[in-house]
Protein backbone atom coordinates (compact mmCIF):
# COMPACT_ATOMS: atom_id res chain seq x y z
CA UNK A 1 87.10 103.15 94.33
CA UNK A 2 90.22 105.27 94.23
CA UNK A 3 92.40 102.97 96.33
CA UNK A 4 92.76 100.23 93.74
CA UNK A 5 96.34 98.96 93.46
CA UNK A 6 98.56 99.84 90.53
CA UNK A 7 101.60 97.96 89.30
CA UNK A 8 104.75 99.77 88.21
CA UNK A 9 106.02 98.72 84.78
CA UNK A 10 109.66 98.39 83.75
CA UNK A 11 109.41 101.67 81.82
CA UNK A 12 108.27 103.58 84.90
CA UNK A 13 104.60 103.69 83.97
CA UNK A 14 101.84 102.24 86.11
CA UNK A 15 98.93 99.97 85.19
CA UNK A 16 95.79 99.42 87.31
CA UNK A 17 95.94 95.87 88.62
CA UNK A 18 92.28 95.18 87.86
CA UNK A 19 90.72 96.15 84.54
CA UNK A 20 87.65 95.41 82.47
CA UNK A 21 88.12 93.15 79.45
CA UNK A 22 85.86 93.41 76.40
CA UNK A 23 86.74 90.23 74.48
CA UNK A 24 83.55 88.89 72.82
CA UNK A 25 81.55 91.92 73.93
CA UNK A 26 79.43 92.84 70.87
CA UNK A 27 80.13 96.33 69.52
CA UNK A 28 76.51 97.33 70.04
CA UNK A 29 76.84 96.59 73.78
CA UNK A 30 80.38 97.81 74.33
CA UNK A 31 79.86 101.53 74.90
CA UNK A 32 77.13 100.86 77.48
CA UNK A 33 79.08 98.18 79.34
CA UNK A 34 82.32 100.17 79.37
CA UNK A 35 80.39 103.21 80.61
CA UNK A 36 78.91 101.03 83.37
CA UNK A 37 82.35 99.71 84.29
CA UNK A 38 83.81 103.22 84.50
CA UNK A 39 80.83 104.41 86.53
CA UNK A 40 81.37 101.55 88.99
CA UNK A 41 85.01 102.50 89.40
CA UNK A 42 87.07 100.49 86.92
CA UNK A 43 90.17 102.43 85.94
CA UNK A 44 91.36 100.30 83.00
CA UNK A 45 89.80 98.78 79.88
CA UNK A 46 91.41 96.12 77.68
CA UNK A 47 90.40 95.87 74.02
CA UNK A 48 92.00 94.80 70.71
CA UNK A 49 91.66 95.42 67.00
CA UNK A 50 90.42 91.83 66.67
CA UNK A 51 87.52 92.52 69.05
CA UNK A 52 86.11 95.13 66.63
CA UNK A 53 84.91 97.32 69.47
CA UNK A 54 87.74 99.85 69.81
CA UNK A 55 85.57 102.75 68.62
CA UNK A 56 82.92 101.98 71.21
CA UNK A 57 85.53 101.69 73.97
CA UNK A 58 86.99 105.03 72.96
CA UNK A 59 83.58 106.71 72.95
CA UNK A 60 82.75 105.46 76.44
CA UNK A 61 86.14 106.58 77.76
CA UNK A 62 85.86 110.01 76.17
CA UNK A 63 82.29 110.49 77.36
CA UNK A 64 83.26 109.58 80.93
CA UNK A 65 85.66 112.49 81.22
CA UNK A 66 87.83 110.29 83.44
CA UNK A 67 91.42 109.18 83.09
CA UNK A 68 91.07 105.53 82.08
CA UNK A 69 94.01 103.27 81.23
CA UNK A 70 93.37 101.78 77.77
CA UNK A 71 95.10 98.76 76.24
CA UNK A 72 94.68 97.59 72.66
CA UNK A 73 96.44 95.03 70.49
CA UNK A 74 97.94 94.40 67.05
CA UNK A 75 96.16 91.58 65.19
CA UNK A 76 97.94 88.67 63.50
CA UNK A 77 97.23 89.71 59.92
CA UNK A 78 98.77 93.13 60.56
CA UNK A 79 102.17 91.92 61.67
CA UNK A 80 105.39 93.16 60.07
CA UNK A 81 107.07 96.53 60.55
CA UNK A 82 105.14 98.71 58.09
CA UNK A 83 101.82 96.92 58.51
CA UNK A 84 102.06 97.19 62.29
CA UNK A 85 102.56 100.94 62.06
CA UNK A 86 99.51 101.27 59.80
CA UNK A 87 97.44 99.02 62.08
CA UNK A 88 98.34 101.18 65.05
CA UNK A 89 97.16 104.24 63.13
CA UNK A 90 93.81 102.53 62.54
CA UNK A 91 93.43 101.62 66.23
CA UNK A 92 94.45 105.14 67.23
CA UNK A 93 91.80 106.66 64.98
CA UNK A 94 89.14 104.19 66.17
CA UNK A 95 89.79 104.86 69.85
CA UNK A 96 89.96 108.63 69.37
CA UNK A 97 92.16 109.10 72.43
CA UNK A 98 95.12 111.46 72.72
CA UNK A 99 97.52 108.65 73.65
CA UNK A 100 97.12 104.90 73.97
CA UNK A 101 98.44 103.64 77.29
CA UNK A 102 99.51 100.13 76.28
CA UNK A 103 99.87 98.48 72.87
CA UNK A 104 100.47 94.74 72.62
CA UNK A 105 101.29 92.22 69.90
CA UNK A 106 98.23 89.99 70.28
CA UNK A 107 99.84 86.65 69.32
CA UNK A 108 103.41 85.80 68.25
CA UNK A 109 102.23 83.58 65.35
CA UNK A 110 105.63 81.90 64.89
CA UNK A 111 104.49 80.40 61.56
CA UNK A 112 104.60 83.94 60.12
CA UNK A 113 107.96 84.77 61.74
CA UNK A 114 107.09 88.47 61.83
CA UNK A 115 106.89 89.15 65.54
CA UNK A 116 110.41 90.58 65.83
CA UNK A 117 109.72 93.09 63.04
CA UNK A 118 106.37 93.89 64.65
CA UNK A 119 108.10 94.46 67.98
CA UNK A 120 110.52 96.90 66.33
CA UNK A 121 107.50 98.86 65.08
CA UNK A 122 106.08 99.01 68.62
CA UNK A 123 109.43 100.24 69.94
CA UNK A 124 109.29 103.06 67.39
CA UNK A 125 105.74 103.96 68.41
CA UNK A 126 106.81 104.15 72.04
CA UNK A 127 109.93 106.17 71.25
CA UNK A 128 107.82 108.63 69.25
CA UNK A 129 105.46 109.04 72.20
CA UNK A 130 102.42 107.70 70.37
CA UNK A 131 101.93 104.99 72.98
CA UNK A 132 103.04 105.14 76.60
CA UNK A 133 103.99 101.49 77.07
CA UNK A 134 104.42 98.45 74.85
CA UNK A 135 104.16 94.75 75.47
CA UNK A 136 103.08 91.43 74.08
CA UNK A 137 100.42 88.81 74.58
CA UNK A 138 100.70 85.02 74.49
CA UNK A 139 104.48 85.04 74.02
CA UNK A 140 106.44 82.03 75.26
CA UNK A 141 109.72 82.35 77.14
CA UNK A 142 111.79 81.63 74.02
CA UNK A 143 109.85 84.20 71.99
CA UNK A 144 110.37 86.79 74.71
CA UNK A 145 114.08 86.00 74.77
CA UNK A 146 114.27 86.51 71.02
CA UNK A 147 112.67 89.94 70.88
CA UNK A 148 114.71 91.11 73.87
CA UNK A 149 117.92 89.82 72.29
CA UNK A 150 117.17 91.30 68.87
CA UNK A 151 116.04 94.75 70.02
CA UNK A 152 117.38 95.28 73.54
CA UNK A 153 113.84 96.25 74.61
CA UNK A 154 111.99 94.16 77.18
CA UNK A 155 108.18 94.17 76.98
CA UNK A 156 106.48 95.90 79.89
CA UNK A 157 103.70 93.28 79.92
CA UNK A 158 102.98 89.78 78.65
CA UNK A 159 99.27 89.03 78.69
CA UNK A 160 98.70 85.27 78.87
CA UNK A 161 96.00 82.73 79.63
CA UNK A 162 96.16 82.26 83.38
CA UNK A 163 93.67 80.91 85.90
CA UNK A 164 93.70 78.40 88.79
CA UNK A 165 93.50 75.44 86.36
CA UNK A 166 96.41 76.84 84.29
CA UNK A 167 98.72 78.72 86.61
CA UNK A 168 101.77 79.10 84.33
CA UNK A 169 104.20 78.99 87.26
CA UNK A 170 107.37 78.67 85.15
CA UNK A 171 106.31 81.41 82.74
CA UNK A 172 105.46 83.75 85.62
CA UNK A 173 108.86 83.12 87.21
CA UNK A 174 110.53 84.04 83.91
CA UNK A 175 108.49 87.25 83.79
CA UNK A 176 109.54 88.10 87.34
CA UNK A 177 113.20 87.51 86.54
CA UNK A 178 112.96 89.84 83.55
CA UNK A 179 110.77 92.52 85.17
CA UNK A 180 107.80 91.79 82.89
CA UNK A 181 104.32 92.21 84.36
CA UNK A 182 101.97 89.26 83.88
CA UNK A 183 98.40 90.07 82.91
CA UNK A 184 95.91 87.21 83.16
CA UNK A 185 93.36 86.72 80.38
CA UNK A 186 90.48 84.31 80.86
CA UNK A 187 91.15 84.72 84.60
CA UNK A 188 88.04 82.76 85.58
CA UNK A 189 88.84 79.90 83.20
CA UNK A 190 85.75 80.70 81.11
CA UNK A 191 83.62 79.80 84.10
CA UNK A 192 84.90 76.25 84.60
CA UNK A 193 86.95 77.11 87.70
CA UNK A 194 83.93 78.73 89.36
CA UNK A 195 82.48 75.29 90.01
CA UNK A 196 85.62 73.85 91.59
CA UNK A 197 84.96 72.56 95.15
CA UNK A 198 88.24 74.03 96.45
CA UNK A 199 87.26 77.47 95.21
CA UNK A 200 83.72 77.03 96.58
CA UNK A 201 85.05 76.14 100.04
CA UNK A 202 87.33 79.20 100.12
CA UNK A 203 84.43 81.38 98.98
CA UNK A 204 82.26 80.10 101.85
CA UNK A 205 85.09 80.70 104.32
CA UNK A 206 85.39 84.37 103.32
CA UNK A 207 81.72 85.01 102.63
CA UNK A 208 82.55 85.81 99.01
CA UNK A 209 81.60 84.47 95.59
CA UNK A 210 83.83 82.03 93.69
CA UNK A 211 84.57 84.74 91.10
CA UNK A 212 85.70 87.14 93.81
CA UNK A 213 88.00 84.49 95.30
CA UNK A 214 89.62 83.80 91.93
CA UNK A 215 90.11 87.47 91.09
CA UNK A 216 91.57 88.02 94.55
CA UNK A 217 93.93 85.07 93.91
CA UNK A 218 95.27 86.86 90.84
CA UNK A 219 95.73 90.08 92.79
CA UNK A 220 97.40 88.37 95.75
CA UNK A 221 99.83 86.75 93.30
CA UNK A 222 100.84 90.16 91.94
CA UNK A 223 99.13 89.63 88.58
CA UNK A 224 97.19 92.18 86.58
CA UNK A 225 93.77 90.79 85.73
CA UNK A 226 91.06 91.71 83.20
CA UNK A 227 87.81 89.82 83.84
CA UNK A 228 85.05 90.24 81.28
CA UNK A 229 81.40 90.53 82.22
CA UNK A 230 78.26 91.28 80.25
CA UNK A 231 76.23 92.69 83.13
CA UNK A 232 76.64 95.61 85.48
CA UNK A 233 75.88 93.34 88.45
CA UNK A 234 78.77 91.01 87.63
CA UNK A 235 81.03 93.96 86.88
CA UNK A 236 80.34 95.25 90.39
CA UNK A 237 80.94 91.81 91.90
CA UNK A 238 84.27 91.44 90.10
CA UNK A 239 85.42 94.86 91.29
CA UNK A 240 84.44 94.26 94.93
CA UNK A 241 87.58 92.31 95.81
CA UNK A 242 89.61 94.80 97.82
CA UNK A 243 87.97 94.25 101.20
CA UNK A 244 89.56 90.86 101.87
CA UNK A 245 92.62 88.79 101.03
CA UNK A 246 93.47 85.11 100.86
CA UNK A 247 95.58 83.47 103.54
CA UNK A 248 98.46 81.07 103.03
CA UNK A 249 96.19 78.01 103.35
CA UNK A 250 93.95 79.38 100.59
CA UNK A 251 96.91 80.06 98.30
CA UNK A 252 98.31 76.57 98.90
CA UNK A 253 94.93 74.92 98.27
CA UNK A 254 94.52 76.76 94.96
CA UNK A 255 98.08 75.86 93.95
CA UNK A 256 97.09 72.19 94.14
CA UNK A 257 94.31 72.47 91.52
CA UNK A 258 96.71 73.52 88.77
CA UNK A 259 96.45 71.12 85.82
CA UNK A 260 99.01 70.16 83.16
CA UNK A 261 96.14 70.07 80.65
CA UNK A 262 94.44 73.20 81.98
CA UNK A 263 94.86 75.36 78.88
CA UNK A 264 91.54 76.25 77.29
CA UNK A 265 92.71 78.72 74.64
CA UNK A 266 95.05 78.21 71.65
CA UNK A 267 98.64 77.09 72.14
CA UNK A 268 100.82 80.06 71.05
CA UNK A 269 103.44 77.75 69.57
CA UNK A 270 100.93 76.20 67.17
CA UNK A 271 99.54 79.34 65.49
């Protein structure tokens, strides 16, 4: 599938809108599953130091011989200017790729108060050409404002929990105003949203699965999305979302299932 959409970042780079996420994929399964994903047509893979499968991701990407967009992330215990630089070196060695496409601060961890210094380290890595683009993950609007104010550099991406039960409308509007791309993690709501009757009805209407409807919802909203799957069959299903689109009635119906208590992951302000 060569006609998959790409999103232009604020630094001029481009990121495939749909990627394969490997959170909680065991290292012993990662190389095989990433190889399957690439074989099926995925053009991006999202990993992190915390996932402990960077080496396996890198091996699958290298063995494929294809140009795959790779994202990895700085873990909480490695924050701070010097430690972040060293942690990047470790991720770089583990992946074994010439250049990392996107490097993110995984969580702001405000209790440590090191995310500004960590961001300065990422700016240096980008300026030195060691990573093509830099961004953050799980940053709130106020935390984004702080790093932008203190460094003058706006993240290309903020990767946040986002699914139909937790739509983050205000945060997404802030991203749009500041030319920050939103990437959705846990895009299927860890499976809970798949059982929603609104999603099921839309799936029947389009002759698609609930997962395909939800992934298409992310795409139609201009979001980058990184669903995880532990089987080639589901990988294929999640990728097969470019032959249809949702109509206005679908979008409005999904908007109404947003929940104020829809968060399923940690609250970034409380770490």
